[in-house]
């Protein structure tokens, strides 16, 4: 098979990798965030997150999962959010805590969400508050014990984050009743 996509790779990106270079995905992540610490990892709504910040925030979130929620290796944690800076923090925090990440489509209906959470055995969920109304309808029928809420503007600078959350809640009216409010996913920048 001709690998035509290789013509698009930058010159410093190898066509093949050594799959045995790291023992786990977490080890590869920790090596990468150290190697590229001051480079941009993600950009959302103009806000840049470096690999260093991703490392710090995901480590703090992993500690929260282990120490505050008492989650153990192998516990499943659902993530129900669109592409936000909170997503990689949650994903790598979950993996660093030894848990299993369960991706959940934020547009699921209550019936679909209930099936996904029950089928996966998720004991916790990280969810954007805009979608908590769907979870509220089914959470009692699932194994979910912990709900961690975040807002769309949470990882943005304070003024911009406040504005985004205000527009979502009062102008667009996307903010709906939520079932609880846990500590924020991590500190604001």
Protein backbone atom coordinates (compact mmCIF):
# COMPACT_ATOMS: atom_id res chain seq x y z
CA UNK A 1 0.00 0.00 0.00
CA UNK A 2 1.30 3.41 -0.93
CA UNK A 3 1.31 5.75 2.08
CA UNK A 4 0.57 9.01 0.27
CA UNK A 5 0.00 10.90 3.54
CA UNK A 6 3.71 10.63 4.37
CA UNK A 7 4.38 13.33 1.75
CA UNK A 8 2.53 15.78 4.04
CA UNK A 9 4.62 15.01 7.15
CA UNK A 10 7.02 17.76 8.26
CA UNK A 11 10.67 16.83 7.70
CA UNK A 12 11.28 16.23 11.42
CA UNK A 13 8.36 13.77 11.82
CA UNK A 14 9.40 10.16 11.28
CA UNK A 15 7.28 7.85 9.14
CA UNK A 16 7.65 5.05 11.71
CA UNK A 17 7.91 5.08 15.51
CA UNK A 18 9.37 2.66 18.00
CA UNK A 19 6.30 1.26 19.79
CA UNK A 20 8.54 -0.08 22.58
CA UNK A 21 10.08 3.30 23.42
CA UNK A 22 7.63 3.78 26.32
CA UNK A 23 6.01 1.24 28.62
CA UNK A 24 2.67 3.05 28.73
CA UNK A 25 0.72 5.96 27.35
CA UNK A 26 1.23 7.81 30.64
CA UNK A 27 5.01 7.36 30.40
CA UNK A 28 4.95 8.71 26.83
CA UNK A 29 2.83 11.66 28.00
CA UNK A 30 5.19 12.47 30.89
CA UNK A 31 8.22 12.27 28.59
CA UNK A 32 6.53 14.54 26.03
CA UNK A 33 5.42 17.22 28.48
CA UNK A 34 8.94 17.36 29.87
CA UNK A 35 10.56 17.52 26.43
CA UNK A 36 8.19 20.17 25.07
CA UNK A 37 7.36 21.96 28.33
CA UNK A 38 7.29 25.52 27.01
CA UNK A 39 5.72 24.78 23.64
CA UNK A 40 2.05 25.16 22.85
CA UNK A 41 0.02 22.02 23.47
CA UNK A 42 -3.50 23.36 22.86
CA UNK A 43 -5.25 26.60 21.87
CA UNK A 44 -8.92 27.27 22.53
CA UNK A 45 -10.76 30.58 22.12
CA UNK A 46 -7.36 32.26 21.80
CA UNK A 47 -6.09 30.83 25.11
CA UNK A 48 -2.82 28.90 24.85
CA UNK A 49 -1.99 25.98 27.11
CA UNK A 50 1.63 24.86 27.17
CA UNK A 51 2.70 21.29 27.78
CA UNK A 52 3.99 22.45 31.20
CA UNK A 53 0.52 23.75 32.20
CA UNK A 54 -1.09 20.58 30.85
CA UNK A 55 1.29 18.51 32.97
CA UNK A 56 0.64 20.56 36.12
CA UNK A 57 -3.14 20.65 35.74
CA UNK A 58 -3.53 17.00 34.76
CA UNK A 59 -1.33 15.97 37.72
CA UNK A 60 -3.50 18.05 40.06
CA UNK A 61 -6.65 16.53 38.60
CA UNK A 62 -5.24 13.01 38.95
CA UNK A 63 -4.48 13.75 42.61
CA UNK A 64 -8.04 15.02 43.08
CA UNK A 65 -9.46 11.80 41.60
CA UNK A 66 -7.26 9.62 43.80
CA UNK A 67 -7.22 11.58 47.07
CA UNK A 68 -10.58 13.33 47.20
CA UNK A 69 -12.83 10.96 45.25
CA UNK A 70 -10.86 7.84 46.27
CA UNK A 71 -10.93 6.42 42.74
CA UNK A 72 -8.75 3.37 42.21
CA UNK A 73 -6.79 1.92 39.31
CA UNK A 74 -9.22 0.63 36.71
CA UNK A 75 -12.19 2.78 37.78
CA UNK A 76 -13.97 4.29 34.81
CA UNK A 77 -14.42 8.03 34.48
CA UNK A 78 -16.65 9.43 31.75
CA UNK A 79 -15.80 12.68 29.97
CA UNK A 80 -18.78 14.50 28.46
CA UNK A 81 -17.57 17.71 26.87
CA UNK A 82 -16.76 19.27 23.52
CA UNK A 83 -13.28 20.39 22.51
CA UNK A 84 -12.25 22.61 25.42
CA UNK A 85 -8.96 23.06 27.27
CA UNK A 86 -10.53 21.08 30.11
CA UNK A 87 -10.72 17.97 27.92
CA UNK A 88 -6.97 17.14 27.74
CA UNK A 89 -6.60 18.03 31.43
CA UNK A 90 -9.35 15.58 32.32
CA UNK A 91 -8.18 12.90 29.89
CA UNK A 92 -4.56 12.86 31.02
CA UNK A 93 -5.55 13.31 34.67
CA UNK A 94 -7.77 10.26 34.42
CA UNK A 95 -5.03 8.21 32.77
CA UNK A 96 -2.40 9.39 35.27
CA UNK A 97 -4.69 8.33 38.13
CA UNK A 98 -4.73 4.83 36.61
CA UNK A 99 -8.37 5.11 35.65
CA UNK A 100 -10.03 4.36 32.34
CA UNK A 101 -11.37 7.28 30.27
CA UNK A 102 -14.83 6.80 28.78
CA UNK A 103 -15.61 9.32 26.06
CA UNK A 104 -19.25 10.37 25.97
CA UNK A 105 -20.88 12.37 23.19
CA UNK A 106 -22.17 15.64 24.72
CA UNK A 107 -25.16 15.48 22.37
CA UNK A 108 -26.43 12.15 23.67
CA UNK A 109 -30.10 11.89 24.61
CA UNK A 110 -30.83 10.84 28.20
CA UNK A 111 -31.49 7.26 27.04
CA UNK A 112 -28.19 7.08 25.14
CA UNK A 113 -26.29 8.59 28.06
CA UNK A 114 -27.81 6.17 30.55
CA UNK A 115 -26.83 3.23 28.35
CA UNK A 116 -23.26 4.51 27.88
CA UNK A 117 -22.69 5.13 31.60
CA UNK A 118 -24.27 1.85 32.67
CA UNK A 119 -22.55 -0.21 29.97
CA UNK A 120 -19.14 1.29 30.74
CA UNK A 121 -19.55 1.08 34.52
CA UNK A 122 -18.43 4.69 34.94
CA UNK A 123 -18.25 5.65 38.61
CA UNK A 124 -17.53 9.33 37.88
CA UNK A 125 -18.20 11.82 35.11
CA UNK A 126 -16.54 15.09 34.11
CA UNK A 127 -19.19 17.15 32.36
CA UNK A 128 -19.70 20.67 31.07
CA UNK A 129 -22.55 22.26 33.02
CA UNK A 130 -24.45 22.93 29.78
CA UNK A 131 -25.09 19.20 29.43
CA UNK A 132 -25.81 18.41 33.08
CA UNK A 133 -29.58 18.54 32.50
CA UNK A 134 -29.25 15.35 30.44
CA UNK A 135 -27.26 13.64 33.17
CA UNK A 136 -29.70 14.80 35.84
CA UNK A 137 -32.49 12.79 34.20
CA UNK A 138 -30.63 9.46 34.36
CA UNK A 139 -27.84 9.64 36.94
CA UNK A 140 -29.82 7.70 39.55
CA UNK A 141 -30.07 4.76 37.13
CA UNK A 142 -26.31 4.58 36.58
CA UNK A 143 -23.28 3.59 38.66
CA UNK A 144 -22.05 7.22 38.68
CA UNK A 145 -21.18 8.33 42.22
CA UNK A 146 -19.21 11.50 41.45
CA UNK A 147 -20.11 14.38 39.14
CA UNK A 148 -17.42 16.92 38.33
CA UNK A 149 -18.77 20.03 36.63
CA UNK A 150 -16.87 22.53 34.56
CA UNK A 151 -18.02 25.63 32.68
CA UNK A 152 -17.14 26.58 29.11
CA UNK A 153 -15.04 29.55 30.22
CA UNK A 154 -13.25 27.85 33.10
CA UNK A 155 -9.77 27.60 31.53
CA UNK A 156 -9.87 31.05 29.97
CA UNK A 157 -8.45 34.19 31.61
CA UNK A 158 -10.81 35.41 34.33
CA UNK A 159 -12.43 38.29 32.39
CA UNK A 160 -12.89 36.31 29.19
CA UNK A 161 -14.08 33.22 31.05
CA UNK A 162 -16.63 35.26 33.00
CA UNK A 163 -17.88 36.82 29.76
CA UNK A 164 -18.16 33.44 28.01
CA UNK A 165 -20.03 31.93 30.95
CA UNK A 166 -22.34 34.98 31.14
CA UNK A 167 -23.18 34.79 27.43
CA UNK A 168 -23.79 31.05 27.62
CA UNK A 169 -26.04 31.39 30.67
CA UNK A 170 -27.99 34.58 30.02
CA UNK A 171 -27.76 35.39 26.31
CA UNK A 172 -27.72 31.97 24.68
CA UNK A 173 -29.49 30.37 27.68
CA UNK A 174 -27.41 27.21 27.26
CA UNK A 175 -26.87 26.91 31.00
CA UNK A 176 -29.42 24.63 32.59
CA UNK A 177 -30.04 23.37 36.11
CA UNK A 178 -27.26 21.18 37.41
CA UNK A 179 -27.26 18.40 39.95
CA UNK A 180 -24.32 19.54 42.05
CA UNK A 181 -21.24 21.72 41.98
CA UNK A 182 -17.94 20.05 42.68
CA UNK A 183 -14.61 21.91 43.01
CA UNK A 184 -13.54 23.30 39.64
CA UNK A 185 -11.55 21.07 37.32
CA UNK A 186 -8.44 23.07 38.18
CA UNK A 187 -7.25 26.57 38.91
CA UNK A 188 -7.87 29.36 36.49
CA UNK A 189 -4.78 30.71 34.71
